[in-house]
């Protein structure tokens, strides 16, 4: 997807019938403009689905969107948080000096 580029390295040895897949995620390179566009898409999708849900619930005699409306709202919030999430600084370099005197 747009959120993360993944380089896939596939190693196969055919004489032993084993396949090894190594996924190496790269840094998050999604620009701010792309994040804004994806956020707008999430909001438009939410309002469209929420409107359709409200319309069908009102035609059935109910006055509120109910649990499905709350689920849609939670999905929208989770989607926006996932888009704007900051990447963790997981450096593989462990430079901490251990105390080996005991």
Protein backbone atom coordinates (compact mmCIF):
# COMPACT_ATOMS: atom_id res chain seq x y z
CA UNK A 1 0.00 0.00 0.00
CA UNK A 2 0.97 3.62 0.17
CA UNK A 3 1.84 3.47 3.85
CA UNK A 4 4.96 1.34 3.74
CA UNK A 5 7.25 0.01 1.06
CA UNK A 6 8.36 -3.53 1.61
CA UNK A 7 11.25 -5.14 -0.17
CA UNK A 8 10.77 -8.86 -0.48
CA UNK A 9 13.72 -11.18 -0.78
CA UNK A 10 12.78 -14.72 -1.75
CA UNK A 11 15.23 -17.57 -1.35
CA UNK A 12 14.34 -21.04 -2.54
CA UNK A 13 16.25 -24.25 -2.44
CA UNK A 14 14.59 -26.82 -4.57
CA UNK A 15 16.45 -29.93 -3.51
CA UNK A 16 15.13 -29.75 0.07
CA UNK A 17 11.73 -28.25 -0.81
CA UNK A 18 12.06 -25.26 1.56
CA UNK A 19 11.15 -21.66 0.80
CA UNK A 20 12.24 -18.74 2.96
CA UNK A 21 10.68 -15.27 2.66
CA UNK A 22 12.44 -12.33 4.29
CA UNK A 23 10.37 -9.12 4.59
CA UNK A 24 12.43 -6.02 5.27
CA UNK A 25 10.27 -2.94 5.90
CA UNK A 26 11.84 0.35 4.96
CA UNK A 27 11.25 3.68 6.62
CA UNK A 28 7.85 5.31 6.35
CA UNK A 29 8.07 7.53 3.28
CA UNK A 30 4.44 8.61 2.97
CA UNK A 31 4.43 12.36 2.43
CA UNK A 32 2.16 14.77 4.26
CA UNK A 33 0.19 15.47 1.08
CA UNK A 34 -0.53 11.79 0.58
CA UNK A 35 -1.61 11.50 4.22
CA UNK A 36 -4.02 14.40 3.78
CA UNK A 37 -5.50 12.82 0.63
CA UNK A 38 -5.94 9.43 2.33
CA UNK A 39 -7.53 11.15 5.36
CA UNK A 40 -9.98 12.99 3.09
CA UNK A 41 -10.79 9.67 1.40
CA UNK A 42 -11.43 8.04 4.78
CA UNK A 43 -13.74 10.91 5.79
CA UNK A 44 -15.67 10.81 2.50
CA UNK A 45 -16.06 7.03 2.80
CA UNK A 46 -17.23 7.36 6.40
CA UNK A 47 -19.82 10.03 5.60
CA UNK A 48 -21.12 8.04 2.62
CA UNK A 49 -21.45 4.80 4.60
CA UNK A 50 -22.87 6.60 7.66
CA UNK A 51 -25.45 8.37 5.48
CA UNK A 52 -26.47 5.12 3.82
CA UNK A 53 -26.71 3.44 7.23
CA UNK A 54 -28.81 6.27 8.68
CA UNK A 55 -31.10 6.27 5.64
CA UNK A 56 -31.75 2.54 5.84
CA UNK A 57 -32.26 2.66 9.63
CA UNK A 58 -34.74 5.56 9.37
CA UNK A 59 -36.70 3.81 6.63
CA UNK A 60 -36.96 0.83 8.99
CA UNK A 61 -38.41 2.98 11.79
CA UNK A 62 -35.34 3.45 13.95
CA UNK A 63 -34.15 6.92 14.93
CA UNK A 64 -30.45 6.31 15.62
CA UNK A 65 -27.67 4.61 13.65
CA UNK A 66 -27.09 2.20 16.56
CA UNK A 67 -24.09 -0.03 17.09
CA UNK A 68 -23.22 -0.07 13.38
CA UNK A 69 -22.79 3.71 13.43
CA UNK A 70 -20.46 3.44 16.41
CA UNK A 71 -18.51 0.70 14.62
CA UNK A 72 -18.14 2.89 11.53
CA UNK A 73 -16.98 5.81 13.67
CA UNK A 74 -14.43 3.62 15.46
CA UNK A 75 -13.15 2.35 12.11
CA UNK A 76 -12.77 5.91 10.85
CA UNK A 77 -10.81 6.96 13.95
CA UNK A 78 -8.59 3.87 13.76
CA UNK A 79 -7.93 4.44 10.06
CA UNK A 80 -6.94 8.07 10.55
CA UNK A 81 -4.69 7.17 13.49
CA UNK A 82 -3.02 4.46 11.39
CA UNK A 83 -2.33 6.92 8.57
CA UNK A 84 -0.84 9.58 10.85
CA UNK A 85 1.08 7.16 13.11
CA UNK A 86 4.72 8.06 13.68
CA UNK A 87 7.28 5.33 12.94
CA UNK A 88 9.18 3.96 15.91
CA UNK A 89 12.92 4.42 16.14
CA UNK A 90 13.96 0.78 16.22
CA UNK A 91 17.63 1.01 15.43
CA UNK A 92 19.33 -2.34 15.20
CA UNK A 93 22.52 -0.89 16.61
CA UNK A 94 22.81 -1.84 20.27
CA UNK A 95 25.62 0.33 21.64
CA UNK A 96 24.81 -0.03 25.32
CA UNK A 97 27.84 -1.01 27.39
CA UNK A 98 27.15 -3.97 29.64
CA UNK A 99 28.66 -4.23 33.12
CA UNK A 100 30.59 -7.50 33.06
CA UNK A 101 32.26 -7.17 36.46
CA UNK A 102 30.82 -9.63 38.95
